Amino acid sequence: MESKTVYFANPGSENTEAVLRIARQRAEELGIKNIVVASTRGDTAVRAMDAFHGLRVIVVSHVTGLREPNLQEFTEENRKIVESKGGVILTAAHAFSGVSRALRTKFNTVTIGDIIANTLRVFGDGVKVACEIALMATDAGLVRTDEDVISIAGTSRGADTAIVLRPVNSHDFFDLKVKEILCKPRF
């Protein structure tokens, strides 16, 4: 099998439309029905809902309180749009941090979640996040472990990375299989 990987000159939101187009095309070629998308405020999620019309879109947002106590960054307006178009929004503790973040902050130490996250960042922030949100969606029962998904994420805002993977529950992390890197920044 031969598959093309697109490399963007720079990371960031300027790549979002291209990422969504590339991912849609590959989903059609492979018959993938589930798309997992990272979205902080919901802007990328809204764009994904239009790009993946007819497919199941699972949006993974930041946990409430990540930036400041009781703050949910995903806007109510974007939530309504995504849900009205059939999207599912998951807000949960990050698979690689969660309680680990409390340990790092309180005791100024490195945890296994930090090591895994930083190892994946060798391939870029988007690859790390794409793997993490797939774990979160699987743990929530929103995607199955016997079907490939396309997972989309980015560096800071927007989307600049898309991968095809076979998701697993977080307790089976080392069985996760990244099958294809569809696009990512070349940095």
N, C-alpha and C. Protein backbone atom coordinates (compact mmCIF):
# COMPACT_ATOMS: atom_id res chain seq x y z
N MET A 1 0.84 -1.18 0.00
CA MET A 1 0.00 0.00 0.00
C MET A 1 0.88 1.24 0.00
N GLU A 2 0.42 2.23 -0.71
CA GLU A 2 1.13 3.49 -0.75
C GLU A 2 0.18 4.58 -0.29
N SER A 3 0.67 5.48 0.53
CA SER A 3 -0.14 6.58 1.04
C SER A 3 0.72 7.82 1.09
N LYS A 4 0.09 8.96 0.84
CA LYS A 4 0.80 10.23 0.78
C LYS A 4 0.71 10.93 2.14
N THR A 5 1.80 11.53 2.57
CA THR A 5 1.82 12.38 3.75
C THR A 5 2.11 13.80 3.28
N VAL A 6 1.31 14.74 3.76
CA VAL A 6 1.50 16.15 3.43
C VAL A 6 2.20 16.80 4.62
N TYR A 7 3.25 17.57 4.32
CA TYR A 7 3.98 18.29 5.35
C TYR A 7 3.75 19.79 5.16
N PHE A 8 3.33 20.45 6.23
CA PHE A 8 3.11 21.89 6.17
C PHE A 8 4.38 22.61 6.58
N ALA A 9 4.66 23.74 5.93
CA ALA A 9 5.87 24.51 6.24
C ALA A 9 5.86 25.03 7.67
N ASN A 10 4.68 25.37 8.17
CA ASN A 10 4.56 25.93 9.51
C ASN A 10 3.39 25.29 10.24
N PRO A 11 3.47 25.21 11.57
CA PRO A 11 2.32 24.72 12.33
C PRO A 11 1.26 25.81 12.44
N GLY A 12 0.06 25.40 12.80
CA GLY A 12 -0.95 26.39 13.13
C GLY A 12 -2.24 26.32 12.35
N SER A 13 -3.11 27.26 12.68
CA SER A 13 -4.48 27.26 12.18
C SER A 13 -4.60 27.50 10.69
N GLU A 14 -3.59 28.09 10.07
CA GLU A 14 -3.68 28.32 8.62
C GLU A 14 -3.76 27.01 7.83
N ASN A 15 -3.48 25.90 8.49
CA ASN A 15 -3.53 24.59 7.82
C ASN A 15 -4.87 23.87 8.00
N THR A 16 -5.78 24.45 8.77
CA THR A 16 -7.00 23.74 9.16
C THR A 16 -7.80 23.25 7.96
N GLU A 17 -8.08 24.09 7.00
CA GLU A 17 -8.90 23.67 5.85
C GLU A 17 -8.24 22.54 5.08
N ALA A 18 -6.93 22.63 4.89
CA ALA A 18 -6.22 21.56 4.18
C ALA A 18 -6.27 20.26 4.97
N VAL A 19 -6.11 20.33 6.28
CA VAL A 19 -6.17 19.13 7.13
C VAL A 19 -7.53 18.46 7.00
N LEU A 20 -8.59 19.25 7.09
CA LEU A 20 -9.94 18.69 7.00
C LEU A 20 -10.19 18.06 5.63
N ARG A 21 -9.71 18.69 4.57
CA ARG A 21 -9.87 18.14 3.22
C ARG A 21 -9.09 16.84 3.06
N ILE A 22 -7.85 16.82 3.52
CA ILE A 22 -7.01 15.62 3.42
C ILE A 22 -7.63 14.47 4.22
N ALA A 23 -8.09 14.78 5.43
CA ALA A 23 -8.68 13.75 6.28
C ALA A 23 -9.99 13.22 5.68
N ARG A 24 -10.80 14.10 5.13
CA ARG A 24 -12.07 13.66 4.51
C ARG A 24 -11.80 12.71 3.35
N GLN A 25 -10.85 13.08 2.51
CA GLN A 25 -10.51 12.24 1.36
C GLN A 25 -10.04 10.85 1.81
N ARG A 26 -9.18 10.83 2.81
CA ARG A 26 -8.64 9.53 3.27
C ARG A 26 -9.72 8.72 3.98
N ALA A 27 -10.61 9.37 4.70
CA ALA A 27 -11.72 8.66 5.34
C ALA A 27 -12.57 7.96 4.28
N GLU A 28 -12.84 8.66 3.18
CA GLU A 28 -13.61 8.06 2.10
C GLU A 28 -12.87 6.88 1.47
N GLU A 29 -11.58 7.04 1.24
CA GLU A 29 -10.78 5.97 0.62
C GLU A 29 -10.74 4.72 1.50
N LEU A 30 -10.65 4.91 2.81
CA LEU A 30 -10.51 3.77 3.74
C LEU A 30 -11.84 3.31 4.33
N GLY A 31 -12.91 4.04 4.07
CA GLY A 31 -14.21 3.69 4.65
C GLY A 31 -14.29 3.96 6.14
N ILE A 32 -13.53 4.92 6.61
CA ILE A 32 -13.54 5.29 8.04
C ILE A 32 -14.76 6.15 8.31
N LYS A 33 -15.49 5.81 9.35
CA LYS A 33 -16.75 6.49 9.67
C LYS A 33 -16.66 7.41 10.88
N ASN A 34 -15.60 7.29 11.70
CA ASN A 34 -15.46 8.09 12.92
C ASN A 34 -14.24 9.00 12.84
N ILE A 35 -14.50 10.27 13.09
CA ILE A 35 -13.46 11.29 13.09
C ILE A 35 -13.40 11.88 14.49
N VAL A 36 -12.21 11.91 15.08
CA VAL A 36 -12.01 12.49 16.40
C VAL A 36 -11.24 13.79 16.21
N VAL A 37 -11.77 14.88 16.77
CA VAL A 37 -11.20 16.21 16.54
C VAL A 37 -10.96 16.92 17.86
N ALA A 38 -9.76 17.44 18.05
CA ALA A 38 -9.47 18.27 19.22
C ALA A 38 -9.96 19.69 18.94
N SER A 39 -10.61 20.29 19.94
CA SER A 39 -11.05 21.67 19.77
C SER A 39 -11.17 22.32 21.14
N THR A 40 -10.46 23.42 21.34
CA THR A 40 -10.45 24.11 22.61
C THR A 40 -11.67 25.00 22.79
N ARG A 41 -11.86 25.92 21.86
CA ARG A 41 -12.99 26.86 21.95
C ARG A 41 -14.18 26.43 21.10
N GLY A 42 -13.94 25.49 20.17
CA GLY A 42 -15.01 25.00 19.33
C GLY A 42 -14.95 25.47 17.89
N ASP A 43 -14.04 26.38 17.57
CA ASP A 43 -13.95 26.89 16.21
C ASP A 43 -13.59 25.78 15.21
N THR A 44 -12.60 24.99 15.55
CA THR A 44 -12.21 23.88 14.68
C THR A 44 -13.33 22.85 14.60
N ALA A 45 -14.01 22.63 15.70
CA ALA A 45 -15.12 21.67 15.73
C ALA A 45 -16.22 22.07 14.76
N VAL A 46 -16.58 23.35 14.74
CA VAL A 46 -17.62 23.83 13.84
C VAL A 46 -17.20 23.60 12.39
N ARG A 47 -15.97 23.90 12.07
CA ARG A 47 -15.47 23.68 10.70
C ARG A 47 -15.46 22.20 10.35
N ALA A 48 -15.13 21.36 11.32
CA ALA A 48 -15.10 19.91 11.08
C ALA A 48 -16.50 19.36 10.80
N MET A 49 -17.50 19.92 11.44
CA MET A 49 -18.87 19.44 11.24
C MET A 49 -19.28 19.59 9.78
N ASP A 50 -18.87 20.67 9.15
CA ASP A 50 -19.19 20.86 7.73
C ASP A 50 -18.33 19.96 6.85
N ALA A 51 -17.06 19.82 7.19
CA ALA A 51 -16.14 19.02 6.38
C ALA A 51 -16.48 17.53 6.41
N PHE A 52 -17.03 17.05 7.51
CA PHE A 52 -17.28 15.62 7.67
C PHE A 52 -18.77 15.29 7.71
N HIS A 53 -19.56 16.07 6.99
CA HIS A 53 -21.00 15.80 6.90
C HIS A 53 -21.21 14.35 6.47
N GLY A 54 -22.06 13.64 7.20
CA GLY A 54 -22.33 12.24 6.89
C GLY A 54 -21.47 11.26 7.67
N LEU A 55 -20.43 11.75 8.33
CA LEU A 55 -19.57 10.91 9.16
C LEU A 55 -19.84 11.26 10.63
N ARG A 56 -19.41 10.40 11.51
CA ARG A 56 -19.59 10.66 12.95
C ARG A 56 -18.38 11.46 13.45
N VAL A 57 -18.65 12.62 14.02
CA VAL A 57 -17.58 13.49 14.51
C VAL A 57 -17.65 13.54 16.03
N ILE A 58 -16.55 13.17 16.65
CA ILE A 58 -16.41 13.23 18.10
C ILE A 58 -15.40 14.34 18.39
N VAL A 59 -15.85 15.37 19.08
CA VAL A 59 -15.01 16.52 19.41
C VAL A 59 -14.55 16.37 20.85
N VAL A 60 -13.25 16.50 21.06
CA VAL A 60 -12.70 16.42 22.41
C VAL A 60 -12.20 17.80 22.81
N SER A 61 -12.80 18.32 23.89
CA SER A 61 -12.44 19.66 24.36
C SER A 61 -11.52 19.56 25.57
N HIS A 62 -10.98 20.71 25.93
CA HIS A 62 -10.20 20.77 27.18
C HIS A 62 -11.11 20.51 28.37
N VAL A 63 -10.55 19.95 29.39
CA VAL A 63 -11.26 19.75 30.64
C VAL A 63 -11.62 21.12 31.24
N THR A 64 -12.77 21.20 31.85
CA THR A 64 -13.16 22.44 32.54
C THR A 64 -12.15 22.72 33.65
N GLY A 65 -11.69 23.95 33.74
CA GLY A 65 -10.74 24.34 34.78
C GLY A 65 -9.29 24.20 34.36
N LEU A 66 -9.01 23.86 33.11
CA LEU A 66 -7.61 23.69 32.69
C LEU A 66 -6.85 25.02 32.78
N ARG A 67 -7.45 26.08 32.29
CA ARG A 67 -6.79 27.39 32.29
C ARG A 67 -7.01 28.16 33.59
N GLU A 68 -8.23 28.04 34.12
CA GLU A 68 -8.54 28.67 35.41
C GLU A 68 -9.76 27.95 35.99
N PRO A 69 -9.90 27.96 37.30
CA PRO A 69 -11.00 27.22 37.92
C PRO A 69 -12.36 27.54 37.31
N ASN A 70 -13.13 26.51 37.06
CA ASN A 70 -14.52 26.59 36.59
C ASN A 70 -14.68 27.15 35.19
N LEU A 71 -13.62 27.38 34.46
CA LEU A 71 -13.72 27.93 33.10
C LEU A 71 -13.76 26.79 32.08
N GLN A 72 -14.80 26.78 31.26
CA GLN A 72 -14.88 25.88 30.12
C GLN A 72 -14.64 26.74 28.88
N GLU A 73 -13.57 26.44 28.17
CA GLU A 73 -13.16 27.27 27.03
C GLU A 73 -14.04 27.08 25.79
N PHE A 74 -14.66 25.92 25.67
CA PHE A 74 -15.53 25.64 24.52
C PHE A 74 -16.77 26.52 24.64
N THR A 75 -17.00 27.39 23.69
CA THR A 75 -18.08 28.36 23.82
C THR A 75 -19.45 27.70 23.69
N GLU A 76 -20.44 28.29 24.34
CA GLU A 76 -21.81 27.77 24.26
C GLU A 76 -22.33 27.85 22.83
N GLU A 77 -22.00 28.93 22.14
CA GLU A 77 -22.43 29.09 20.75
C GLU A 77 -21.90 27.95 19.89
N ASN A 78 -20.62 27.65 20.01
CA ASN A 78 -20.04 26.56 19.21
C ASN A 78 -20.59 25.21 19.64
N ARG A 79 -20.84 25.03 20.92
CA ARG A 79 -21.43 23.78 21.42
C ARG A 79 -22.79 23.54 20.75
N LYS A 80 -23.60 24.58 20.70
CA LYS A 80 -24.93 24.45 20.09
C LYS A 80 -24.83 24.11 18.62
N ILE A 81 -23.90 24.73 17.91
CA ILE A 81 -23.73 24.46 16.48
C ILE A 81 -23.30 23.01 16.26
N VAL A 82 -22.28 22.58 16.99
CA VAL A 82 -21.76 21.21 16.83
C VAL A 82 -22.85 20.19 17.13
N GLU A 83 -23.54 20.36 18.24
CA GLU A 83 -24.57 19.40 18.62
C GLU A 83 -25.76 19.43 17.66
N SER A 84 -26.10 20.59 17.13
CA SER A 84 -27.22 20.68 16.18
C SER A 84 -26.90 19.96 14.87
N LYS A 85 -25.61 19.82 14.57
CA LYS A 85 -25.19 19.13 13.35
C LYS A 85 -24.84 17.68 13.60
N GLY A 86 -25.15 17.18 14.81
CA GLY A 86 -24.95 15.76 15.11
C GLY A 86 -23.62 15.40 15.72
N GLY A 87 -22.79 16.38 16.02
CA GLY A 87 -21.50 16.10 16.63
C GLY A 87 -21.64 15.75 18.10
N VAL A 88 -20.68 14.97 18.60
CA VAL A 88 -20.64 14.59 20.01
C VAL A 88 -19.45 15.32 20.63
N ILE A 89 -19.67 15.96 21.77
CA ILE A 89 -18.59 16.69 22.44
C ILE A 89 -18.23 15.96 23.72
N LEU A 90 -16.96 15.64 23.85
CA LEU A 90 -16.44 14.98 25.05
C LEU A 90 -15.53 15.95 25.80
N THR A 91 -15.85 16.18 27.05
CA THR A 91 -15.01 16.97 27.93
C THR A 91 -14.62 16.06 29.08
N ALA A 92 -13.33 15.75 29.18
CA ALA A 92 -12.86 14.81 30.19
C ALA A 92 -11.41 15.12 30.53
N ALA A 93 -10.92 14.52 31.61
CA ALA A 93 -9.51 14.69 31.98
C ALA A 93 -8.62 14.19 30.85
N HIS A 94 -7.54 14.89 30.62
CA HIS A 94 -6.59 14.48 29.59
C HIS A 94 -5.97 13.13 29.95
N ALA A 95 -5.86 12.28 28.97
CA ALA A 95 -5.35 10.93 29.22
C ALA A 95 -3.91 10.94 29.73
N PHE A 96 -3.08 11.85 29.25
CA PHE A 96 -1.67 11.84 29.65
C PHE A 96 -1.38 12.70 30.87
N SER A 97 -2.36 13.49 31.31
CA SER A 97 -2.07 14.33 32.47
C SER A 97 -3.01 14.02 33.61
N GLY A 98 -4.24 14.51 33.57
CA GLY A 98 -5.17 14.24 34.67
C GLY A 98 -4.53 14.47 36.03
N VAL A 99 -4.51 13.44 36.86
CA VAL A 99 -3.94 13.54 38.20
C VAL A 99 -2.42 13.76 38.14
N SER A 100 -1.80 13.31 37.06
CA SER A 100 -0.35 13.53 36.92
C SER A 100 0.02 15.01 36.98
N ARG A 101 -0.85 15.85 36.43
CA ARG A 101 -0.59 17.29 36.46
C ARG A 101 -0.53 17.79 37.91
N ALA A 102 -1.40 17.25 38.77
CA ALA A 102 -1.38 17.64 40.18
C ALA A 102 -0.06 17.25 40.82
N LEU A 103 0.45 16.07 40.51
CA LEU A 103 1.74 15.64 41.05
C LEU A 103 2.87 16.54 40.56
N ARG A 104 2.87 16.85 39.26
CA ARG A 104 3.91 17.70 38.70
C ARG A 104 3.89 19.07 39.35
N THR A 105 2.69 19.64 39.50
CA THR A 105 2.55 20.98 40.08
C THR A 105 2.91 20.99 41.57
N LYS A 106 2.39 20.05 42.33
CA LYS A 106 2.57 20.03 43.78
C LYS A 106 4.00 19.65 44.18
N PHE A 107 4.56 18.65 43.51
CA PHE A 107 5.85 18.11 43.92
C PHE A 107 7.00 18.40 42.94
N ASN A 108 6.69 19.18 41.90
CA ASN A 108 7.71 19.53 40.91
C ASN A 108 8.46 18.29 40.42
N THR A 109 7.70 17.33 39.94
CA THR A 109 8.29 16.07 39.49
C THR A 109 7.76 15.70 38.11
N VAL A 110 8.40 14.75 37.50
CA VAL A 110 7.98 14.24 36.19
C VAL A 110 7.22 12.95 36.42
N THR A 111 6.10 12.79 35.69
CA THR A 111 5.31 11.57 35.80
C THR A 111 5.39 10.78 34.50
N ILE A 112 4.89 9.55 34.53
CA ILE A 112 4.91 8.72 33.32
C ILE A 112 4.10 9.35 32.21
N GLY A 113 2.98 10.03 32.56
CA GLY A 113 2.19 10.72 31.55
C GLY A 113 2.98 11.81 30.85
N ASP A 114 3.81 12.53 31.62
CA ASP A 114 4.68 13.56 31.04
C ASP A 114 5.68 12.95 30.06
N ILE A 115 6.23 11.82 30.44
CA ILE A 115 7.23 11.14 29.59
C ILE A 115 6.59 10.69 28.29
N ILE A 116 5.41 10.07 28.38
CA ILE A 116 4.71 9.62 27.17
C ILE A 116 4.37 10.82 26.29
N ALA A 117 3.79 11.86 26.88
CA ALA A 117 3.41 13.05 26.11
C ALA A 117 4.61 13.68 25.42
N ASN A 118 5.69 13.83 26.15
CA ASN A 118 6.87 14.47 25.56
C ASN A 118 7.55 13.58 24.53
N THR A 119 7.45 12.29 24.68
CA THR A 119 7.99 11.39 23.65
C THR A 119 7.19 11.54 22.36
N LEU A 120 5.87 11.56 22.46
CA LEU A 120 5.04 11.74 21.27
C LEU A 120 5.26 13.11 20.63
N ARG A 121 5.58 14.11 21.42
CA ARG A 121 5.83 15.45 20.87
C ARG A 121 7.07 15.49 19.97
N VAL A 122 7.88 14.47 20.02
CA VAL A 122 9.00 14.37 19.08
C VAL A 122 8.47 14.44 17.64
N PHE A 123 7.26 13.93 17.44
CA PHE A 123 6.62 13.96 16.12
C PHE A 123 5.78 15.22 15.92
N GLY A 124 5.65 16.04 16.95
CA GLY A 124 4.88 17.27 16.89
C GLY A 124 3.75 17.26 17.91
N ASP A 125 3.35 18.44 18.33
CA ASP A 125 2.27 18.56 19.30
C ASP A 125 0.98 17.91 18.81
N GLY A 126 0.71 18.06 17.52
CA GLY A 126 -0.52 17.50 16.96
C GLY A 126 -0.58 15.99 17.06
N VAL A 127 0.53 15.31 16.83
CA VAL A 127 0.54 13.84 16.94
C VAL A 127 0.26 13.44 18.39
N LYS A 128 0.88 14.12 19.34
CA LYS A 128 0.63 13.83 20.75
C LYS A 128 -0.84 13.99 21.08
N VAL A 129 -1.43 15.12 20.69
CA VAL A 129 -2.82 15.39 21.00
C VAL A 129 -3.74 14.42 20.26
N ALA A 130 -3.45 14.11 19.02
CA ALA A 130 -4.28 13.18 18.25
C ALA A 130 -4.33 11.80 18.91
N CYS A 131 -3.21 11.34 19.43
CA CYS A 131 -3.19 10.05 20.15
C CYS A 131 -3.99 10.17 21.45
N GLU A 132 -3.78 11.25 22.18
CA GLU A 132 -4.42 11.44 23.47
C GLU A 132 -5.94 11.53 23.35
N ILE A 133 -6.45 12.28 22.38
CA ILE A 133 -7.90 12.42 22.26
C ILE A 133 -8.55 11.12 21.80
N ALA A 134 -7.80 10.32 21.04
CA ALA A 134 -8.35 9.01 20.65
C ALA A 134 -8.50 8.11 21.87
N LEU A 135 -7.52 8.14 22.77
CA LEU A 135 -7.64 7.39 24.02
C LEU A 135 -8.84 7.86 24.83
N MET A 136 -9.01 9.16 24.92
CA MET A 136 -10.11 9.73 25.70
C MET A 136 -11.46 9.33 25.12
N ALA A 137 -11.58 9.39 23.79
CA ALA A 137 -12.84 9.02 23.13
C ALA A 137 -13.12 7.53 23.31
N THR A 138 -12.08 6.73 23.30
CA THR A 138 -12.26 5.29 23.51
C THR A 138 -12.68 5.02 24.95
N ASP A 139 -12.01 5.64 25.90
CA ASP A 139 -12.38 5.47 27.31
C ASP A 139 -13.84 5.86 27.57
N ALA A 140 -14.34 6.85 26.83
CA ALA A 140 -15.72 7.30 27.00
C ALA A 140 -16.72 6.43 26.24
N GLY A 141 -16.22 5.44 25.50
CA GLY A 141 -17.11 4.56 24.75
C GLY A 141 -17.62 5.18 23.46
N LEU A 142 -16.98 6.22 22.98
CA LEU A 142 -17.43 6.91 21.77
C LEU A 142 -16.84 6.35 20.49
N VAL A 143 -15.72 5.65 20.59
CA VAL A 143 -15.14 4.93 19.45
C VAL A 143 -14.76 3.53 19.91
N ARG A 144 -14.71 2.64 18.95
CA ARG A 144 -14.43 1.24 19.25
C ARG A 144 -12.94 0.92 19.06
N THR A 145 -12.50 -0.13 19.71
CA THR A 145 -11.10 -0.55 19.60
C THR A 145 -10.86 -1.47 18.42
N ASP A 146 -11.90 -1.81 17.69
CA ASP A 146 -11.73 -2.70 16.54
C ASP A 146 -12.03 -1.99 15.21
N GLU A 147 -12.04 -0.66 15.22
CA GLU A 147 -12.26 0.13 14.01
C GLU A 147 -11.27 1.29 13.98
N ASP A 148 -10.66 1.51 12.82
CA ASP A 148 -9.76 2.64 12.68
C ASP A 148 -10.55 3.95 12.73
N VAL A 149 -9.90 5.00 13.20
CA VAL A 149 -10.46 6.35 13.21
C VAL A 149 -9.41 7.29 12.61
N ILE A 150 -9.87 8.45 12.22
CA ILE A 150 -8.95 9.53 11.89
C ILE A 150 -9.01 10.50 13.05
N SER A 151 -7.85 10.86 13.56
CA SER A 151 -7.75 11.76 14.70
C SER A 151 -7.05 13.03 14.23
N ILE A 152 -7.65 14.17 14.55
CA ILE A 152 -7.19 15.47 14.06
C ILE A 152 -6.89 16.38 15.25
N ALA A 153 -5.75 17.04 15.20
CA ALA A 153 -5.35 17.95 16.28
C ALA A 153 -4.45 19.03 15.71
N GLY A 154 -3.89 19.83 16.59
CA GLY A 154 -3.05 20.90 16.10
C GLY A 154 -2.05 21.39 17.12
N THR A 155 -1.34 22.41 16.70
CA THR A 155 -0.35 23.08 17.53
C THR A 155 -0.94 24.42 17.89
N SER A 156 -1.31 24.60 19.12
CA SER A 156 -1.96 25.82 19.59
C SER A 156 -3.39 25.90 19.08
N ARG A 157 -3.69 26.68 18.08
CA ARG A 157 -5.05 26.86 17.56
C ARG A 157 -5.20 26.16 16.20
N GLY A 158 -6.44 25.78 15.89
CA GLY A 158 -6.71 25.16 14.60
C GLY A 158 -6.15 23.75 14.51
N ALA A 159 -6.16 23.22 13.30
CA ALA A 159 -5.67 21.86 13.07
C ALA A 159 -4.50 21.89 12.10
N ASP A 160 -3.48 21.10 12.39
CA ASP A 160 -2.35 20.97 11.47
C ASP A 160 -1.85 19.53 11.38
N THR A 161 -2.58 18.60 12.00
CA THR A 161 -2.16 17.20 12.03
C THR A 161 -3.37 16.29 11.91
N ALA A 162 -3.23 15.26 11.09
CA ALA A 162 -4.26 14.22 11.00
C ALA A 162 -3.57 12.87 10.87
N ILE A 163 -4.04 11.90 11.66
CA ILE A 163 -3.47 10.55 11.61
C ILE A 163 -4.60 9.52 11.55
N VAL A 164 -4.29 8.38 10.97
CA VAL A 164 -5.17 7.22 11.02
C VAL A 164 -4.62 6.34 12.11
N LEU A 165 -5.48 5.92 13.02
CA LEU A 165 -5.00 5.04 14.08
C LEU A 165 -6.06 4.05 14.49
N ARG A 166 -5.61 3.00 15.15
CA ARG A 166 -6.51 2.03 15.78
C ARG A 166 -6.51 2.35 17.26
N PRO A 167 -7.62 2.90 17.77
CA PRO A 167 -7.65 3.36 19.15
C PRO A 167 -7.72 2.22 20.16
N VAL A 168 -7.32 2.54 21.36
CA VAL A 168 -7.39 1.61 22.49
C VAL A 168 -7.80 2.41 23.72
N ASN A 169 -8.19 1.70 24.77
CA ASN A 169 -8.43 2.36 26.05
C ASN A 169 -7.09 2.79 26.61
N SER A 170 -7.12 3.83 27.45
CA SER A 170 -5.87 4.36 27.98
C SER A 170 -5.07 3.32 28.76
N HIS A 171 -5.74 2.38 29.41
CA HIS A 171 -5.00 1.36 30.16
C HIS A 171 -4.30 0.36 29.23
N ASP A 172 -4.60 0.42 27.93
CA ASP A 172 -3.92 -0.41 26.93
C ASP A 172 -3.07 0.44 25.99
N PHE A 173 -2.63 1.60 26.46
CA PHE A 173 -1.95 2.57 25.61
C PHE A 173 -0.90 1.96 24.70
N PHE A 174 -0.11 1.04 25.18
CA PHE A 174 1.00 0.53 24.37
C PHE A 174 0.55 -0.39 23.24
N ASP A 175 -0.76 -0.62 23.14
CA ASP A 175 -1.32 -1.35 22.00
C ASP A 175 -1.88 -0.42 20.95
N LEU A 176 -1.87 0.90 21.20
CA LEU A 176 -2.35 1.87 20.21
C LEU A 176 -1.48 1.77 18.97
N LYS A 177 -2.10 1.80 17.81
CA LYS A 177 -1.35 1.70 16.55
C LYS A 177 -1.62 2.92 15.68
N VAL A 178 -0.60 3.74 15.46
CA VAL A 178 -0.68 4.82 14.49
C VAL A 178 -0.38 4.18 13.14
N LYS A 179 -1.39 4.15 12.28
CA LYS A 179 -1.26 3.45 11.00
C LYS A 179 -0.75 4.37 9.89
N GLU A 180 -1.18 5.61 9.90
CA GLU A 180 -0.76 6.55 8.86
C GLU A 180 -0.70 7.96 9.44
N ILE A 181 0.30 8.70 9.01
CA ILE A 181 0.34 10.13 9.28
C ILE A 181 -0.09 10.80 7.98
N LEU A 182 -1.27 11.39 8.00
CA LEU A 182 -1.81 12.00 6.78
C LEU A 182 -1.18 13.36 6.52
N CYS A 183 -1.01 14.14 7.59
CA CYS A 183 -0.39 15.45 7.44
C CYS A 183 0.08 15.94 8.81
N LYS A 184 1.09 16.79 8.78
CA LYS A 184 1.64 17.37 9.99
C LYS A 184 2.61 18.48 9.60
N PRO A 185 2.92 19.37 10.53
CA PRO A 185 3.94 20.37 10.24
C PRO A 185 5.32 19.73 10.09
N ARG A 186 6.11 20.30 9.23
CA ARG A 186 7.50 19.82 9.03
C ARG A 186 8.42 20.76 9.79
N PHE A 187 8.55 20.49 11.09
CA PHE A 187 9.40 21.35 11.93
C PHE A 187 10.10 20.53 12.96
